[in-house]
Amino acid sequence: MSTIGTIDRPATHDPMKQAPMQPTHSEPLGSATPDTRTIGASDSRQNRTREMQLIPEALARAHLHDQLRDADGQRRALRLAAARRMQRRAERASLRARRALAMAVMQ
């Protein structure tokens, strides 16, 4: 029984016998080195190493994007809450002014 190797446990450690890495269609454009069809597995292994080195950068970029989106949402929520507070305060002041005017006219 022959088992197919994984990245962690390759079937062989000889780079010349390993299959070249194929690009996935799910990753965005420009996220890794462009697909260059080279002959020889050592170039492919070098390409795989470069892609693996770029993975933490892509993860950090995505994490930062999520944090910025969350912070923007929190800022909007705080602004909305402050605007509602000010609106209620203005409505109460308006009612006080109407009452004061009514009292002044009544006397």
PDB file of N, CA and C in Angstrom:
ATOM      1  N   MET A   1       0.846  -1.179   0.000  1.00  0.00           N
ATOM      2  CA  MET A   1       0.000   0.000   0.000  1.00  0.00           C
ATOM      3  C   MET A   1       0.889   1.240   0.000  1.00  0.00           C
ATOM      4  N   SER A   2       0.703   2.093  -0.985  1.00  0.00           N
ATOM      5  CA  SER A   2       1.494   3.309  -1.057  1.00  0.00           C
ATOM      6  C   SER A   2       0.598   4.491  -0.677  1.00  0.00           C
ATOM      7  N   THR A   3       1.054   5.289   0.270  1.00  0.00           N
ATOM      8  CA  THR A   3       0.278   6.441   0.706  1.00  0.00           C
ATOM      9  C   THR A   3       0.846   7.688   0.051  1.00  0.00           C
ATOM     10  N   ILE A   4      -0.043   8.583  -0.297  1.00  0.00           N
ATOM     11  CA  ILE A   4       0.376   9.843  -0.904  1.00  0.00           C
ATOM     12  C   ILE A   4       0.855  10.763   0.204  1.00  0.00           C
ATOM     13  N   GLY A   5       1.975  11.441  -0.013  1.00  0.00           N
ATOM     14  CA  GLY A   5       2.543  12.303   1.021  1.00  0.00           C
ATOM     15  C   GLY A   5       1.793  13.612   1.168  1.00  0.00           C
ATOM     16  N   THR A   6       1.998  14.254   2.295  1.00  0.00           N
ATOM     17  CA  THR A   6       1.439  15.575   2.552  1.00  0.00           C
ATOM     18  C   THR A   6       2.586  16.560   2.656  1.00  0.00           C
ATOM     19  N   ILE A   7       2.272  17.803   2.885  1.00  0.00           N
ATOM     20  CA  ILE A   7       3.329  18.802   3.016  1.00  0.00           C
ATOM     21  C   ILE A   7       4.167  18.520   4.258  1.00  0.00           C
ATOM     22  N   ASP A   8       3.488  18.153   5.355  1.00  0.00           N
ATOM     23  CA  ASP A   8       4.223  17.863   6.594  1.00  0.00           C
ATOM     24  C   ASP A   8       5.039  16.582   6.481  1.00  0.00           C
ATOM     25  N   ARG A   9       4.486  15.594   5.817  1.00  0.00           N
ATOM     26  CA  ARG A   9       5.161  14.304   5.668  1.00  0.00           C
ATOM     27  C   ARG A   9       5.186  13.914   4.192  1.00  0.00           C
ATOM     28  N   PRO A  10       6.127  14.475   3.438  1.00  0.00           N
ATOM     29  CA  PRO A  10       6.160  14.166   2.006  1.00  0.00           C
ATOM     30  C   PRO A  10       6.520  12.698   1.758  1.00  0.00           C
ATOM     31  N   ALA A  11       6.057  12.220   0.593  1.00  0.00           N
ATOM     32  CA  ALA A  11       6.358  10.844   0.230  1.00  0.00           C
ATOM     33  C   ALA A  11       7.857  10.661   0.016  1.00  0.00           C
ATOM     34  N   THR A  12       8.505  11.677  -0.469  1.00  0.00           N
ATOM     35  CA  THR A  12       9.953  11.646  -0.659  1.00  0.00           C
ATOM     36  C   THR A  12      10.538  12.999  -0.281  1.00  0.00           C
ATOM     37  N   HIS A  13      11.756  13.000   0.168  1.00  0.00           N
ATOM     38  CA  HIS A  13      12.414  14.265   0.517  1.00  0.00           C
ATOM     39  C   HIS A  13      13.259  14.786  -0.623  1.00  0.00           C
ATOM     40  N   ASP A  14      13.302  14.057  -1.718  1.00  0.00           N
ATOM     41  CA  ASP A  14      14.071  14.489  -2.877  1.00  0.00           C
ATOM     42  C   ASP A  14      13.253  15.513  -3.660  1.00  0.00           C
ATOM     43  N   PRO A  15      13.700  16.769  -3.742  1.00  0.00           N
ATOM     44  CA  PRO A  15      12.906  17.790  -4.426  1.00  0.00           C
ATOM     45  C   PRO A  15      12.701  17.487  -5.901  1.00  0.00           C
ATOM     46  N   MET A  16      13.597  16.765  -6.520  1.00  0.00           N
ATOM     47  CA  MET A  16      13.465  16.472  -7.944  1.00  0.00           C
ATOM     48  C   MET A  16      12.349  15.462  -8.215  1.00  0.00           C
ATOM     49  N   LYS A  17      11.923  14.700  -7.221  1.00  0.00           N
ATOM     50  CA  LYS A  17      10.890  13.689  -7.408  1.00  0.00           C
ATOM     51  C   LYS A  17       9.511  14.176  -6.972  1.00  0.00           C
ATOM     52  N   GLN A  18       9.432  15.366  -6.377  1.00  0.00           N
ATOM     53  CA  GLN A  18       8.148  15.869  -5.901  1.00  0.00           C
ATOM     54  C   GLN A  18       7.425  16.603  -7.015  1.00  0.00           C
ATOM     55  N   ALA A  19       6.111  16.538  -6.977  1.00  0.00           N
ATOM     56  CA  ALA A  19       5.298  17.178  -8.002  1.00  0.00           C
ATOM     57  C   ALA A  19       5.300  18.688  -7.795  1.00  0.00           C
ATOM     58  N   PRO A  20       5.238  19.463  -8.892  1.00  0.00           N
ATOM     59  CA  PRO A  20       5.190  20.924  -8.733  1.00  0.00           C
ATOM     60  C   PRO A  20       3.874  21.355  -8.119  1.00  0.00           C
ATOM     61  N   MET A  21       3.925  22.474  -7.417  1.00  0.00           N
ATOM     62  CA  MET A  21       2.738  22.978  -6.728  1.00  0.00           C
ATOM     63  C   MET A  21       1.838  23.687  -7.728  1.00  0.00           C
ATOM     64  N   GLN A  22       0.562  23.365  -7.712  1.00  0.00           N
ATOM     65  CA  GLN A  22      -0.400  23.975  -8.628  1.00  0.00           C
ATOM     66  C   GLN A  22      -1.088  25.146  -7.926  1.00  0.00           C
ATOM     67  N   PRO A  23      -1.343  26.259  -8.642  1.00  0.00           N
ATOM     68  CA  PRO A  23      -2.035  27.384  -8.003  1.00  0.00           C
ATOM     69  C   PRO A  23      -3.505  27.048  -7.780  1.00  0.00           C
ATOM     70  N   THR A  24      -4.065  27.575  -6.697  1.00  0.00           N
ATOM     71  CA  THR A  24      -5.484  27.367  -6.429  1.00  0.00           C
ATOM     72  C   THR A  24      -6.260  28.527  -7.027  1.00  0.00           C
ATOM     73  N   HIS A  25      -7.497  28.258  -7.387  1.00  0.00           N
ATOM     74  CA  HIS A  25      -8.324  29.304  -7.982  1.00  0.00           C
ATOM     75  C   HIS A  25      -9.030  30.132  -6.925  1.00  0.00           C
ATOM     76  N   SER A  26      -8.953  29.713  -5.668  1.00  0.00           N
ATOM     77  CA  SER A  26      -9.659  30.436  -4.613  1.00  0.00           C
ATOM     78  C   SER A  26      -8.857  31.601  -4.053  1.00  0.00           C
ATOM     79  N   GLU A  27      -7.559  31.612  -4.270  1.00  0.00           N
ATOM     80  CA  GLU A  27      -6.771  32.706  -3.696  1.00  0.00           C
ATOM     81  C   GLU A  27      -6.837  33.923  -4.603  1.00  0.00           C
ATOM     82  N   PRO A  28      -6.844  35.142  -4.023  1.00  0.00           N
ATOM     83  CA  PRO A  28      -6.967  36.353  -4.831  1.00  0.00           C
ATOM     84  C   PRO A  28      -5.730  36.593  -5.681  1.00  0.00           C
ATOM     85  N   LEU A  29      -5.921  37.383  -6.726  1.00  0.00           N
ATOM     86  CA  LEU A  29      -4.811  37.698  -7.610  1.00  0.00           C
ATOM     87  C   LEU A  29      -3.759  38.521  -6.873  1.00  0.00           C
ATOM     88  N   GLY A  30      -2.518  38.249  -7.149  1.00  0.00           N
ATOM     89  CA  GLY A  30      -1.435  38.997  -6.542  1.00  0.00           C
ATOM     90  C   GLY A  30      -1.127  38.603  -5.121  1.00  0.00           C
ATOM     91  N   SER A  31      -1.772  37.556  -4.607  1.00  0.00           N
ATOM     92  CA  SER A  31      -1.530  37.170  -3.218  1.00  0.00           C
ATOM     93  C   SER A  31      -0.242  36.377  -3.081  1.00  0.00           C
ATOM     94  N   ALA A  32       0.229  35.802  -4.159  1.00  0.00           N
ATOM     95  CA  ALA A  32       1.452  35.016  -4.108  1.00  0.00           C
ATOM     96  C   ALA A  32       2.212  35.252  -5.403  1.00  0.00           C
ATOM     97  N   THR A  33       3.308  34.574  -5.536  1.00  0.00           N
ATOM     98  CA  THR A  33       4.105  34.737  -6.738  1.00  0.00           C
ATOM     99  C   THR A  33       3.333  34.214  -7.937  1.00  0.00           C
ATOM    100  N   PRO A  34       3.514  34.811  -9.110  1.00  0.00           N
ATOM    101  CA  PRO A  34       2.770  34.361 -10.276  1.00  0.00           C
ATOM    102  C   PRO A  34       3.148  32.932 -10.663  1.00  0.00           C
ATOM    103  N   ASP A  35       2.222  32.267 -11.347  1.00  0.00           N
ATOM    104  CA  ASP A  35       2.434  30.879 -11.754  1.00  0.00           C
ATOM    105  C   ASP A  35       3.370  30.854 -12.944  1.00  0.00           C
ATOM    106  N   THR A  36       4.565  30.410 -12.735  1.00  0.00           N
ATOM    107  CA  THR A  36       5.521  30.268 -13.829  1.00  0.00           C
ATOM    108  C   THR A  36       5.771  28.793 -14.010  1.00  0.00           C
ATOM    109  N   ARG A  37       5.533  28.313 -15.191  1.00  0.00           N
ATOM    110  CA  ARG A  37       5.729  26.890 -15.492  1.00  0.00           C
ATOM    111  C   ARG A  37       7.220  26.645 -15.710  1.00  0.00           C
ATOM    112  N   THR A  38       7.877  26.144 -14.695  1.00  0.00           N
ATOM    113  CA  THR A  38       9.299  25.861 -14.795  1.00  0.00           C
ATOM    114  C   THR A  38       9.518  24.364 -14.801  1.00  0.00           C
ATOM    115  N   ILE A  39      10.574  23.968 -15.373  1.00  0.00           N
ATOM    116  CA  ILE A  39      10.915  22.554 -15.416  1.00  0.00           C
ATOM    117  C   ILE A  39      11.834  22.276 -14.243  1.00  0.00           C
ATOM    118  N   GLY A  40      11.523  21.235 -13.504  1.00  0.00           N
ATOM    119  CA  GLY A  40      12.349  20.887 -12.353  1.00  0.00           C
ATOM    120  C   GLY A  40      11.610  21.158 -11.067  1.00  0.00           C
ATOM    121  N   ALA A  41      11.695  20.211 -10.162  1.00  0.00           N
ATOM    122  CA  ALA A  41      10.950  20.338  -8.911  1.00  0.00           C
ATOM    123  C   ALA A  41      11.617  21.286  -7.933  1.00  0.00           C
ATOM    124  N   SER A  42      12.906  21.557  -8.074  1.00  0.00           N
ATOM    125  CA  SER A  42      13.564  22.448  -7.111  1.00  0.00           C
ATOM    126  C   SER A  42      13.042  23.865  -7.247  1.00  0.00           C
ATOM    127  N   ASP A  43      12.752  24.317  -8.489  1.00  0.00           N
ATOM    128  CA  ASP A  43      12.167  25.641  -8.671  1.00  0.00           C
ATOM    129  C   ASP A  43      10.775  25.688  -8.047  1.00  0.00           C
ATOM    130  N   SER A  44      10.032  24.597  -8.213  1.00  0.00           N
ATOM    131  CA  SER A  44       8.697  24.514  -7.626  1.00  0.00           C
ATOM    132  C   SER A  44       8.767  24.575  -6.113  1.00  0.00           C
ATOM    133  N   ARG A  45       9.723  23.875  -5.530  1.00  0.00           N
ATOM    134  CA  ARG A  45       9.877  23.892  -4.075  1.00  0.00           C
ATOM    135  C   ARG A  45      10.238  25.292  -3.597  1.00  0.00           C
ATOM    136  N   GLN A  46      11.075  25.996  -4.358  1.00  0.00           N
ATOM    137  CA  GLN A  46      11.425  27.371  -3.996  1.00  0.00           C
ATOM    138  C   GLN A  46      10.176  28.248  -4.042  1.00  0.00           C
ATOM    139  N   ASN A  47       9.345  28.048  -5.067  1.00  0.00           N
ATOM    140  CA  ASN A  47       8.113  28.807  -5.199  1.00  0.00           C
ATOM    141  C   ASN A  47       7.179  28.520  -4.031  1.00  0.00           C
ATOM    142  N   ARG A  48       7.090  27.259  -3.631  1.00  0.00           N
ATOM    143  CA  ARG A  48       6.232  26.881  -2.510  1.00  0.00           C
ATOM    144  C   ARG A  48       6.733  27.551  -1.231  1.00  0.00           C
ATOM    145  N   THR A  49       8.031  27.583  -1.040  1.00  0.00           N
ATOM    146  CA  THR A  49       8.596  28.229   0.143  1.00  0.00           C
ATOM    147  C   THR A  49       8.243  29.713   0.153  1.00  0.00           C
ATOM    148  N   ARG A  50       8.343  30.374  -0.998  1.00  0.00           N
ATOM    149  CA  ARG A  50       8.016  31.800  -1.084  1.00  0.00           C
ATOM    150  C   ARG A  50       6.535  32.020  -0.763  1.00  0.00           C
ATOM    151  N   GLU A  51       5.680  31.161  -1.298  1.00  0.00           N
ATOM    152  CA  GLU A  51       4.254  31.293  -1.005  1.00  0.00           C
ATOM    153  C   GLU A  51       3.986  31.095   0.482  1.00  0.00           C
ATOM    154  N   MET A  52       4.649  30.124   1.085  1.00  0.00           N
ATOM    155  CA  MET A  52       4.433  29.863   2.512  1.00  0.00           C
ATOM    156  C   MET A  52       4.942  31.016   3.361  1.00  0.00           C
ATOM    157  N   GLN A  53       5.992  31.684   2.898  1.00  0.00           N
ATOM    158  CA  GLN A  53       6.482  32.839   3.647  1.00  0.00           C
ATOM    159  C   GLN A  53       5.506  33.999   3.560  1.00  0.00           C
ATOM    160  N   LEU A  54       4.711  34.062   2.504  1.00  0.00           N
ATOM    161  CA  LEU A  54       3.758  35.163   2.338  1.00  0.00           C
ATOM    162  C   LEU A  54       2.439  34.914   3.060  1.00  0.00           C
ATOM    163  N   ILE A  55       2.194  33.695   3.505  1.00  0.00           N
ATOM    164  CA  ILE A  55       0.929  33.380   4.180  1.00  0.00           C
ATOM    165  C   ILE A  55       0.728  34.214   5.446  1.00  0.00           C
ATOM    166  N   PRO A  56       1.713  34.352   6.347  1.00  0.00           N
ATOM    167  CA  PRO A  56       1.485  35.185   7.543  1.00  0.00           C
ATOM    168  C   PRO A  56       1.176  36.643   7.199  1.00  0.00           C
ATOM    169  N   GLU A  57       1.796  37.161   6.138  1.00  0.00           N
ATOM    170  CA  GLU A  57       1.501  38.539   5.741  1.00  0.00           C
ATOM    171  C   GLU A  57       0.058  38.667   5.288  1.00  0.00           C
ATOM    172  N   ALA A  58      -0.412  37.701   4.503  1.00  0.00           N
ATOM    173  CA  ALA A  58      -1.797  37.741   4.036  1.00  0.00           C
ATOM    174  C   ALA A  58      -2.759  37.614   5.211  1.00  0.00           C
ATOM    175  N   LEU A  59      -2.441  36.743   6.160  1.00  0.00           N
ATOM    176  CA  LEU A  59      -3.288  36.589   7.344  1.00  0.00           C
ATOM    177  C   LEU A  59      -3.311  37.873   8.170  1.00  0.00           C
ATOM    178  N   ALA A  60      -2.155  38.495   8.341  1.00  0.00           N
ATOM    179  CA  ALA A  60      -2.083  39.737   9.107  1.00  0.00           C
ATOM    180  C   ALA A  60      -2.871  40.841   8.409  1.00  0.00           C
ATOM    181  N   ARG A  61      -2.771  40.894   7.076  1.00  0.00           N
ATOM    182  CA  ARG A  61      -3.509  41.897   6.314  1.00  0.00           C
ATOM    183  C   ARG A  61      -5.014  41.695   6.472  1.00  0.00           C
ATOM    184  N   ALA A  62      -5.462  40.458   6.401  1.00  0.00           N
ATOM    185  CA  ALA A  62      -6.892  40.164   6.560  1.00  0.00           C
ATOM    186  C   ALA A  62      -7.357  40.490   7.981  1.00  0.00           C
ATOM    187  N   HIS A  63      -6.517  40.171   8.971  1.00  0.00           N
ATOM    188  CA  HIS A  63      -6.866  40.459  10.365  1.00  0.00           C
ATOM    189  C   HIS A  63      -6.982  41.962  10.588  1.00  0.00           C
ATOM    190  N   LEU A  64      -6.036  42.724  10.032  1.00  0.00           N
ATOM    191  CA  LEU A  64      -6.073  44.177  10.168  1.00  0.00           C
ATOM    192  C   LEU A  64      -7.316  44.745   9.491  1.00  0.00           C
ATOM    193  N   HIS A  65      -7.666  44.200   8.323  1.00  0.00           N
ATOM    194  CA  HIS A  65      -8.861  44.655   7.621  1.00  0.00           C
ATOM    195  C   HIS A  65     -10.107  44.424   8.477  1.00  0.00           C
ATOM    196  N   ASP A  66     -10.201  43.254   9.113  1.00  0.00           N
ATOM    197  CA  ASP A  66     -11.338  42.957   9.991  1.00  0.00           C
ATOM    198  C   ASP A  66     -11.380  43.901  11.186  1.00  0.00           C
ATOM    199  N   GLN A  67     -10.215  44.172  11.767  1.00  0.00           N
ATOM    200  CA  GLN A  67     -10.177  45.082  12.918  1.00  0.00           C
ATOM    201  C   GLN A  67     -10.602  46.489  12.533  1.00  0.00           C
ATOM    202  N   LEU A  68     -10.153  46.955  11.358  1.00  0.00           N
ATOM    203  CA  LEU A  68     -10.542  48.294  10.909  1.00  0.00           C
ATOM    204  C   LEU A  68     -12.040  48.372  10.646  1.00  0.00           C
ATOM    205  N   ARG A  69     -12.607  47.309  10.057  1.00  0.00           N
ATOM    206  CA  ARG A  69     -14.046  47.293   9.802  1.00  0.00           C
ATOM    207  C   ARG A  69     -14.825  47.285  11.120  1.00  0.00           C
ATOM    208  N   ASP A  70     -14.359  46.516  12.107  1.00  0.00           N
ATOM    209  CA  ASP A  70     -15.020  46.493  13.411  1.00  0.00           C
ATOM    210  C   ASP A  70     -14.938  47.855  14.099  1.00  0.00           C
ATOM    211  N   ALA A  71     -13.758  48.484  14.033  1.00  0.00           N
ATOM    212  CA  ALA A  71     -13.587  49.801  14.662  1.00  0.00           C
ATOM    213  C   ALA A  71     -14.487  50.832  13.993  1.00  0.00           C
ATOM    214  N   ASP A  72     -14.624  50.747  12.674  1.00  0.00           N
ATOM    215  CA  ASP A  72     -15.490  51.681  11.961  1.00  0.00           C
ATOM    216  C   ASP A  72     -16.943  51.479  12.381  1.00  0.00           C
ATOM    217  N   GLY A  73     -17.352  50.232  12.524  1.00  0.00           N
ATOM    218  CA  GLY A  73     -18.714  49.952  12.978  1.00  0.00           C
ATOM    219  C   GLY A  73     -18.959  50.462  14.381  1.00  0.00           C
ATOM    220  N   GLN A  74     -17.969  50.308  15.262  1.00  0.00           N
ATOM    221  CA  GLN A  74     -18.118  50.816  16.635  1.00  0.00           C
ATOM    222  C   GLN A  74     -18.199  52.335  16.656  1.00  0.00           C
ATOM    223  N   ARG A  75     -17.388  52.991  15.806  1.00  0.00           N
ATOM    224  CA  ARG A  75     -17.452  54.459  15.732  1.00  0.00           C
ATOM    225  C   ARG A  75     -18.830  54.921  15.263  1.00  0.00           C
ATOM    226  N   ARG A  76     -19.379  54.243  14.261  1.00  0.00           N
ATOM    227  CA  ARG A  76     -20.724  54.605  13.786  1.00  0.00           C
ATOM    228  C   ARG A  76     -21.763  54.419  14.883  1.00  0.00           C
ATOM    229  N   ALA A  77     -21.668  53.319  15.617  1.00  0.00           N
ATOM    230  CA  ALA A  77     -22.628  53.062  16.689  1.00  0.00           C
ATOM    231  C   ALA A  77     -22.528  54.136  17.775  1.00  0.00           C
ATOM    232  N   LEU A  78     -21.304  54.532  18.137  1.00  0.00           N
ATOM    233  CA  LEU A  78     -21.133  55.572  19.155  1.00  0.00           C
ATOM    234  C   LEU A  78     -21.686  56.906  18.679  1.00  0.00           C
ATOM    235  N   ARG A  79     -21.442  57.242  17.392  1.00  0.00           N
ATOM    236  CA  ARG A  79     -21.976  58.494  16.854  1.00  0.00           C
ATOM    237  C   ARG A  79     -23.498  58.482  16.848  1.00  0.00           C
ATOM    238  N   LEU A  80     -24.089  57.356  16.490  1.00  0.00           N
ATOM    239  CA  LEU A  80     -25.550  57.253  16.468  1.00  0.00           C
ATOM    240  C   LEU A  80     -26.124  57.397  17.878  1.00  0.00           C
ATOM    241  N   ALA A  81     -25.499  56.753  18.858  1.00  0.00           N
ATOM    242  CA  ALA A  81     -25.971  56.855  20.242  1.00  0.00           C
ATOM    243  C   ALA A  81     -25.854  58.294  20.739  1.00  0.00           C
ATOM    244  N   ALA A  82     -24.757  58.966  20.417  1.00  0.00           N
ATOM    245  CA  ALA A  82     -24.583  60.364  20.837  1.00  0.00           C
ATOM    246  C   ALA A  82     -25.623  61.261  20.173  1.00  0.00           C
ATOM    247  N   ALA A  83     -25.902  60.998  18.881  1.00  0.00           N
ATOM    248  CA  ALA A  83     -26.897  61.819  18.182  1.00  0.00           C
ATOM    249  C   ALA A  83     -28.281  61.626  18.797  1.00  0.00           C
ATOM    250  N   ARG A  84     -28.616  60.387  19.160  1.00  0.00           N
ATOM    251  CA  ARG A  84     -29.924  60.152  19.798  1.00  0.00           C
ATOM    252  C   ARG A  84     -30.014  60.827  21.156  1.00  0.00           C
ATOM    253  N   ARG A  85     -28.892  60.779  21.919  1.00  0.00           N
ATOM    254  CA  ARG A  85     -28.870  61.469  23.226  1.00  0.00           C
ATOM    255  C   ARG A  85     -29.098  62.966  23.055  1.00  0.00           C
ATOM    256  N   MET A  86     -28.392  63.562  22.084  1.00  0.00           N
ATOM    257  CA  MET A  86     -28.538  65.001  21.862  1.00  0.00           C
ATOM    258  C   MET A  86     -29.953  65.345  21.386  1.00  0.00           C
ATOM    259  N   GLN A  87     -30.557  64.468  20.570  1.00  0.00           N
ATOM    260  CA  GLN A  87     -31.912  64.717  20.106  1.00  0.00           C
ATOM    261  C   GLN A  87     -32.896  64.703  21.271  1.00  0.00           C
ATOM    262  N   ARG A  88     -32.758  63.726  22.181  1.00  0.00           N
ATOM    263  CA  ARG A  88     -33.641  63.683  23.355  1.00  0.00           C
ATOM    264  C   ARG A  88     -33.444  64.914  24.233  1.00  0.00           C
ATOM    265  N   ARG A  89     -32.192  65.311  24.397  1.00  0.00           N
ATOM    266  CA  ARG A  89     -31.904  66.499  25.207  1.00  0.00           C
ATOM    267  C   ARG A  89     -32.536  67.741  24.574  1.00  0.00           C
ATOM    268  N   ALA A  90     -32.446  67.854  23.251  1.00  0.00           N
ATOM    269  CA  ALA A  90     -33.037  69.005  22.555  1.00  0.00           C
ATOM    270  C   ALA A  90     -34.555  68.983  22.671  1.00  0.00           C
ATOM    271  N   GLU A  91     -35.170  67.792  22.591  1.00  0.00           N
ATOM    272  CA  GLU A  91     -36.618  67.704  22.742  1.00  0.00           C
ATOM    273  C   GLU A  91     -37.060  68.116  24.145  1.00  0.00           C
ATOM    274  N   ARG A  92     -36.297  67.707  25.168  1.00  0.00           N
ATOM    275  CA  ARG A  92     -36.638  68.109  26.542  1.00  0.00           C
ATOM    276  C   ARG A  92     -36.499  69.623  26.724  1.00  0.00           C
ATOM    277  N   ALA A  93     -35.450  70.198  26.150  1.00  0.00           N
ATOM    278  CA  ALA A  93     -35.252  71.650  26.241  1.00  0.00           C
ATOM    279  C   ALA A  93     -36.384  72.389  25.532  1.00  0.00           C
ATOM    280  N   SER A  94     -36.822  71.841  24.392  1.00  0.00           N
ATOM    281  CA  SER A  94     -37.924  72.455  23.661  1.00  0.00           C
ATOM    282  C   SER A  94     -39.212  72.423  24.483  1.00  0.00           C
ATOM    283  N   LEU A  95     -39.470  71.287  25.131  1.00  0.00           N
ATOM    284  CA  LEU A  95     -40.662  71.190  25.986  1.00  0.00           C
ATOM    285  C   LEU A  95     -40.594  72.172  27.156  1.00  0.00           C
ATOM    286  N   ARG A  96     -39.401  72.303  27.760  1.00  0.00           N
ATOM    287  CA  ARG A  96     -39.254  73.267  28.867  1.00  0.00           C
ATOM    288  C   ARG A  96     -39.507  74.687  28.382  1.00  0.00           C
ATOM    289  N   ALA A  97     -39.020  75.014  27.198  1.00  0.00           N
ATOM    290  CA  ALA A  97     -39.213  76.354  26.658  1.00  0.00           C
ATOM    291  C   ALA A  97     -40.691  76.606  26.357  1.00  0.00           C
ATOM    292  N   ARG A  98     -41.389  75.597  25.827  1.00  0.00           N
ATOM    293  CA  ARG A  98     -42.822  75.761  25.557  1.00  0.00           C
ATOM    294  C   ARG A  98     -43.607  75.977  26.848  1.00  0.00           C
ATOM    295  N   ARG A  99     -43.244  75.192  27.867  1.00  0.00           N
ATOM    296  CA  ARG A  99     -43.929  75.355  29.158  1.00  0.00           C
ATOM    297  C   ARG A  99     -43.671  76.745  29.740  1.00  0.00           C
ATOM    298  N   ALA A 100     -42.434  77.172  29.671  1.00  0.00           N
ATOM    299  CA  ALA A 100     -42.089  78.499  30.204  1.00  0.00           C
ATOM    300  C   ALA A 100     -42.847  79.580  29.451  1.00  0.00           C
ATOM    301  N   LEU A 101     -42.958  79.447  28.131  1.00  0.00           N
ATOM    302  CA  LEU A 101     -43.693  80.438  27.316  1.00  0.00           C
ATOM    303  C   LEU A 101     -45.178  80.398  27.675  1.00  0.00           C
ATOM    304  N   ALA A 102     -45.708  79.201  27.849  1.00  0.00           N
ATOM    305  CA  ALA A 102     -47.128  79.068  28.207  1.00  0.00           C
ATOM    306  C   ALA A 102     -47.383  79.694  29.575  1.00  0.00           C
ATOM    307  N   MET A 103     -46.475  79.476  30.511  1.00  0.00           N
ATOM    308  CA  MET A 103     -46.637  80.055  31.859  1.00  0.00           C
ATOM    309  C   MET A 103     -46.574  81.579  31.794  1.00  0.00           C
ATOM    310  N   ALA A 104     -45.665  82.104  30.941  1.00  0.00           N
ATOM    311  CA  ALA A 104     -45.537  83.547  30.846  1.00  0.00           C
ATOM    312  C   ALA A 104     -46.776  84.165  30.215  1.00  0.00           C
ATOM    313  N   VAL A 105     -47.381  83.495  29.242  1.00  0.00           N
ATOM    314  CA  VAL A 105     -48.569  84.022  28.589  1.00  0.00           C
ATOM    315  C   VAL A 105     -49.776  83.938  29.523  1.00  0.00           C
ATOM    316  N   MET A 106     -49.829  82.871  30.319  1.00  0.00           N
ATOM    317  CA  MET A 106     -50.959  82.684  31.223  1.00  0.00           C
ATOM    318  C   MET A 106     -50.980  83.736  32.322  1.00  0.00           C
ATOM    319  N   GLN A 107     -49.875  84.255  32.723  1.00  0.00           N
ATOM    320  CA  GLN A 107     -49.855  85.196  33.852  1.00  0.00           C
ATOM    321  C   GLN A 107     -50.029  86.594  33.420  1.00  0.00           C
TER     322      GLN A 107
END
